[in-house]
Structure formats: C-alpha cells, structure tokens
Amino acid sequence: MMSFGLVILASCTIFTCITEYMTTYALNTLQVAAPLAFATTVVSNAVGIAGALLGGWLADRAGRRPIMIWPQIAALLMTYPVFLWIVESRGPMTLLSSLGALTLVGTIPYSAFYVGMAEGPCDGLVALNLSCALTCPRPRNLPQYRPASQSPPRLSANR
C-alpha cells in the first residue's frame, strides 16, 4: 500500500510540474503571446483548486481509493491526445479549455491522497513530515537558476 501511495505522490508531483511549466511551454514552443501564456497558469491553478475541492467531495461520497486511482488513469490517457490537439490547433480557446479539462481530471485525486497520507498507518509522523515539507521555506544557499546567456560568476584568488 505504501508503494501505491508513492506512485500517486509521484504522479501528482509530475502533473503539477507539467501544469506549472505551461507558461514557458506556451511561450517558447507554441509561440503564443505573453498574456495568453500567463493565462494558462491562471486557468490551471483556478481549475486545480476546483478539482481538489471536487476530489474531496467525491472521496467523501465514493471513498478515497477509487478517487485516487481512476482520475489518475484518465489523466494518463488524456495527456498525449490533449497536447497533440493543443499543438495541432494552436488556438487560444483550445489551449485554455483543454488544459483546464486536463487539470481538472488530474487534480481530483489530490485531496483524497493528502488525507490518506495524513491518516495513514503512522499518522502522527507522516502528518508532521508532510506539513513540514509543505510549509518550510527553501534554503537560500541553494544554487539559483541562471540563464545560459549569463556567464558563470568569477571567483577571485583572494578569497
């Protein structure tokens, strides 16, 4: 059961990365205008909130397990055709509506998963670790992203 939870966690993480990367994908690959590219992030986040709330409501009605499994399978089967349709049509409504539909289906399992993790076999420890992972700030001494056009910082010999 723990390996099933890790698969769900990994797929939720991958899905979040895909939807949050859509602005860059829309700008660089689809060559759309910046406001439309930004709208992809707004739509995916707004629909994601609605999907998580819908998933929690559905999990209360149908149980957590089916709500964690079936939307993940549907999102897996939808991803390639949705992106193929986005690339082929390149219309703004196609981009926003198809991304919204994919995000809705992909975020339904989130609520059921997090509740299941918090109420799992070691509920106190898992809930503490999960809350720390979600709320702790990122350390500032980690390397920052630097565009390829910038040269690396030079180190002086007098350090």
Protein backbone atom coordinates (compact mmCIF):
# COMPACT_ATOMS: atom_id res chain seq x y z
CA MET A 1 0.00 0.00 0.00
CA MET A 2 2.90 2.34 0.71
CA SER A 3 4.28 1.82 -2.81
CA PHE A 4 0.84 2.72 -4.19
CA GLY A 5 0.96 5.94 -2.18
CA LEU A 6 4.40 6.77 -3.56
CA VAL A 7 3.16 6.23 -7.13
CA ILE A 8 0.23 8.58 -6.50
CA LEU A 9 2.57 11.15 -4.91
CA ALA A 10 4.95 10.94 -7.88
CA SER A 11 2.16 11.29 -10.43
CA CYS A 12 0.69 14.28 -8.57
CA THR A 13 4.13 15.90 -8.48
CA ILE A 14 4.73 15.28 -12.18
CA PHE A 15 1.28 16.59 -13.06
CA THR A 16 1.87 19.76 -11.04
CA CYS A 17 5.19 20.33 -12.80
CA ILE A 18 3.55 19.91 -16.21
CA THR A 19 0.78 22.40 -15.48
CA GLU A 20 3.10 24.95 -13.89
CA TYR A 21 5.51 24.70 -16.83
CA MET A 22 2.74 25.51 -19.32
CA THR A 23 3.58 29.23 -19.39
CA THR A 24 7.10 28.52 -20.60
CA TYR A 25 5.86 25.82 -22.98
CA ALA A 26 3.25 28.17 -24.45
CA LEU A 27 5.76 31.00 -24.90
CA ASN A 28 8.71 29.03 -26.26
CA THR A 29 7.18 26.07 -28.05
CA LEU A 30 3.73 27.24 -29.12
CA GLN A 31 4.94 30.83 -29.72
CA VAL A 32 1.82 32.45 -28.24
CA ALA A 33 1.57 35.95 -26.80
CA ALA A 34 2.68 36.51 -23.21
CA PRO A 35 -0.81 37.30 -21.82
CA LEU A 36 -2.18 34.04 -23.23
CA ALA A 37 0.80 32.11 -21.87
CA PHE A 38 0.21 33.64 -18.43
CA ALA A 39 -3.49 32.77 -18.71
CA THR A 40 -2.53 29.08 -18.90
CA THR A 41 -1.12 29.29 -15.38
CA VAL A 42 -4.13 31.22 -14.11
CA VAL A 43 -6.55 28.70 -15.64
CA SER A 44 -4.62 25.66 -14.43
CA ASN A 45 -4.38 26.99 -10.87
CA ALA A 46 -8.04 28.06 -10.71
CA VAL A 47 -9.27 24.77 -12.14
CA GLY A 48 -6.81 22.90 -9.90
CA ILE A 49 -8.38 24.42 -6.80
CA ALA A 50 -11.83 23.43 -8.05
CA GLY A 51 -10.55 19.93 -8.90
CA ALA A 52 -9.09 19.43 -5.43
CA LEU A 53 -12.35 20.54 -3.81
CA LEU A 54 -14.35 18.29 -6.14
CA GLY A 55 -11.99 15.41 -5.36
CA GLY A 56 -12.51 15.85 -1.63
CA TRP A 57 -16.27 15.87 -2.06
CA LEU A 58 -16.13 12.79 -4.32
CA ALA A 59 -13.82 10.98 -1.89
CA ASP A 60 -16.37 11.52 0.88
CA ARG A 61 -19.08 10.05 -1.34
CA ALA A 62 -17.28 7.23 -3.19
CA GLY A 63 -14.26 6.51 -0.98
CA ARG A 64 -10.64 7.55 -1.30
CA ARG A 65 -9.23 4.63 -3.23
CA PRO A 66 -11.36 4.94 -6.40
CA ILE A 67 -10.89 8.72 -6.39
CA MET A 68 -7.11 8.26 -6.22
CA ILE A 69 -6.98 5.62 -8.96
CA TRP A 70 -9.49 6.40 -11.73
CA PRO A 71 -8.73 10.10 -12.28
CA GLN A 72 -5.02 9.26 -12.46
CA ILE A 73 -5.71 6.69 -15.17
CA ALA A 74 -7.95 9.14 -17.02
CA ALA A 75 -5.28 11.87 -16.83
CA LEU A 76 -2.67 9.43 -18.08
CA LEU A 77 -4.83 8.51 -21.06
CA MET A 78 -5.79 12.14 -21.75
CA THR A 79 -2.34 13.75 -21.64
CA TYR A 80 -0.95 12.81 -25.06
CA PRO A 81 -4.16 13.49 -27.04
CA VAL A 82 -4.66 16.83 -25.27
CA PHE A 83 -1.13 18.02 -26.03
CA LEU A 84 -1.42 16.74 -29.60
CA TRP A 85 -4.64 18.74 -30.01
CA ILE A 86 -3.03 21.85 -28.48
CA VAL A 87 -0.06 21.64 -30.87
CA GLU A 88 -2.18 20.95 -33.95
CA SER A 89 -4.87 23.60 -33.45
CA ARG A 90 -2.83 26.35 -31.70
CA GLY A 91 -5.97 28.30 -30.83
CA PRO A 92 -6.29 30.21 -27.56
CA MET A 93 -9.59 28.60 -26.58
CA THR A 94 -8.23 25.16 -27.41
CA LEU A 95 -5.19 25.78 -25.27
CA LEU A 96 -7.10 27.08 -22.26
CA SER A 97 -10.04 24.68 -22.39
CA SER A 98 -8.01 21.53 -22.99
CA LEU A 99 -5.51 22.48 -20.29
CA GLY A 100 -8.42 23.23 -17.96
CA ALA A 101 -10.01 19.84 -18.62
CA LEU A 102 -6.71 18.02 -18.14
CA THR A 103 -6.01 19.94 -14.93
CA LEU A 104 -9.49 19.23 -13.56
CA VAL A 105 -9.13 15.49 -14.08
CA GLY A 106 -5.52 15.48 -12.88
CA THR A 107 -6.12 17.32 -9.61
CA ILE A 108 -9.16 15.39 -8.41
CA PRO A 109 -7.00 12.81 -6.53
CA TYR A 110 -5.01 15.41 -4.56
CA SER A 111 -7.40 15.85 -1.63
CA ALA A 112 -8.01 12.14 -1.19
CA PHE A 113 -4.29 11.44 -1.34
CA TYR A 114 -3.26 14.03 1.26
CA VAL A 115 -5.98 12.95 3.66
CA GLY A 116 -4.96 9.32 3.16
CA MET A 117 -1.31 10.17 3.84
CA ALA A 118 -2.15 12.12 6.99
CA GLU A 119 -4.40 9.36 8.33
CA GLY A 120 -2.11 6.51 7.26
CA PRO A 121 -0.50 3.81 9.42
CA CYS A 122 1.95 6.19 11.14
CA ASP A 123 -0.42 9.13 11.05
CA GLY A 124 1.37 11.38 13.52
CA LEU A 125 4.79 11.02 11.91
CA VAL A 126 3.56 11.23 8.32
CA ALA A 127 1.37 14.24 9.06
CA LEU A 128 4.28 16.02 10.76
CA ASN A 129 6.69 15.29 7.89
CA LEU A 130 4.13 16.26 5.27
CA SER A 131 3.28 19.53 6.99
CA CYS A 132 6.97 20.39 7.36
CA ALA A 133 7.68 19.57 3.72
CA LEU A 134 4.79 21.74 2.52
CA THR A 135 5.43 24.75 4.76
CA CYS A 136 9.19 25.01 5.29
CA PRO A 137 10.87 27.66 3.17
CA ARG A 138 13.53 26.73 0.66
CA PRO A 139 17.08 27.39 1.92
CA ARG A 140 18.63 30.49 0.40
CA ASN A 141 22.09 28.99 -0.10
CA LEU A 142 20.99 26.64 -2.89
CA PRO A 143 22.18 27.49 -6.40
CA GLN A 144 19.84 29.78 -8.29
CA TYR A 145 18.75 29.45 -11.91
CA ARG A 146 20.93 31.45 -14.26
CA PRO A 147 20.07 31.90 -17.96
CA ALA A 148 22.55 30.32 -20.35
CA SER A 149 23.37 33.76 -21.78
CA GLN A 150 24.96 34.83 -18.48
CA SER A 151 28.49 33.75 -17.78
CA PRO A 152 29.21 31.93 -14.52
CA PRO A 153 30.39 34.09 -11.62
CA ARG A 154 34.14 34.54 -11.46
CA LEU A 155 35.93 33.51 -8.30
CA SER A 156 38.76 35.71 -7.18
CA ALA A 157 42.02 34.27 -5.92
CA ASN A 158 41.92 36.47 -2.80
CA ARG A 159 39.04 34.67 -1.10
